[in-house]
């Protein structure tokens, strides 16, 4: 955790990484969860 706090750090260009960010899920994650979940058994 940055000393200045998370909200301030996210708005600070000094902490900016020039890399792509991928957020979300894919269909394989759903299959894994469904295979171990008691609801779907």
C-alpha atoms as a PDB file:
ATOM      1  CA  UNK A   1       0.000   0.000   0.000  1.00  0.00           C
ATOM      2  CA  UNK A   2       1.488   3.353  -0.959  1.00  0.00           C
ATOM      3  CA  UNK A   3       2.065   5.831   1.850  1.00  0.00           C
ATOM      4  CA  UNK A   4      -0.171   8.411   0.149  1.00  0.00           C
ATOM      5  CA  UNK A   5      -3.113   6.010   0.060  1.00  0.00           C
ATOM      6  CA  UNK A   6      -4.564   3.931  -2.731  1.00  0.00           C
ATOM      7  CA  UNK A   7      -6.878   6.574  -4.210  1.00  0.00           C
ATOM      8  CA  UNK A   8      -4.131   9.198  -4.440  1.00  0.00           C
ATOM      9  CA  UNK A   9      -1.615   6.664  -5.775  1.00  0.00           C
ATOM     10  CA  UNK A  10      -3.957   5.575  -8.571  1.00  0.00           C
ATOM     11  CA  UNK A  11      -4.300   9.179  -9.693  1.00  0.00           C
ATOM     12  CA  UNK A  12      -0.554   9.871  -9.556  1.00  0.00           C
ATOM     13  CA  UNK A  13       1.165   9.551 -12.977  1.00  0.00           C
ATOM     14  CA  UNK A  14       4.436   8.699 -11.199  1.00  0.00           C
ATOM     15  CA  UNK A  15       2.990   5.262 -10.376  1.00  0.00           C
ATOM     16  CA  UNK A  16       1.713   4.646 -13.906  1.00  0.00           C
ATOM     17  CA  UNK A  17       2.837   1.423 -15.609  1.00  0.00           C
ATOM     18  CA  UNK A  18       2.771   1.460 -19.373  1.00  0.00           C
ATOM     19  CA  UNK A  19       1.528  -2.113 -19.738  1.00  0.00           C
ATOM     20  CA  UNK A  20      -1.802  -3.489 -20.889  1.00  0.00           C
ATOM     21  CA  UNK A  21      -4.226  -4.576 -18.191  1.00  0.00           C
ATOM     22  CA  UNK A  22      -6.782  -7.277 -18.781  1.00  0.00           C
ATOM     23  CA  UNK A  23      -9.633  -7.612 -16.302  1.00  0.00           C
ATOM     24  CA  UNK A  24     -12.438 -10.092 -16.464  1.00  0.00           C
ATOM     25  CA  UNK A  25     -12.933 -13.788 -16.818  1.00  0.00           C
ATOM     26  CA  UNK A  26     -12.991 -16.357 -19.523  1.00  0.00           C
ATOM     27  CA  UNK A  27     -15.190 -19.338 -20.202  1.00  0.00           C
ATOM     28  CA  UNK A  28     -12.602 -21.781 -18.782  1.00  0.00           C
ATOM     29  CA  UNK A  29     -12.847 -20.179 -15.330  1.00  0.00           C
ATOM     30  CA  UNK A  30     -16.587 -20.754 -15.325  1.00  0.00           C
ATOM     31  CA  UNK A  31     -16.067 -24.440 -16.166  1.00  0.00           C
ATOM     32  CA  UNK A  32     -13.567 -24.878 -13.314  1.00  0.00           C
ATOM     33  CA  UNK A  33     -15.877 -23.250 -10.772  1.00  0.00           C
ATOM     34  CA  UNK A  34     -18.860 -25.225 -12.049  1.00  0.00           C
ATOM     35  CA  UNK A  35     -16.917 -28.493 -11.779  1.00  0.00           C
ATOM     36  CA  UNK A  36     -16.030 -27.972  -8.097  1.00  0.00           C
ATOM     37  CA  UNK A  37     -19.209 -26.234  -6.960  1.00  0.00           C
ATOM     38  CA  UNK A  38     -21.759 -28.333  -5.069  1.00  0.00           C
ATOM     39  CA  UNK A  39     -24.588 -26.326  -6.661  1.00  0.00           C
ATOM     40  CA  UNK A  40     -23.776 -27.731 -10.127  1.00  0.00           C
ATOM     41  CA  UNK A  41     -23.114 -31.350  -9.031  1.00  0.00           C
END
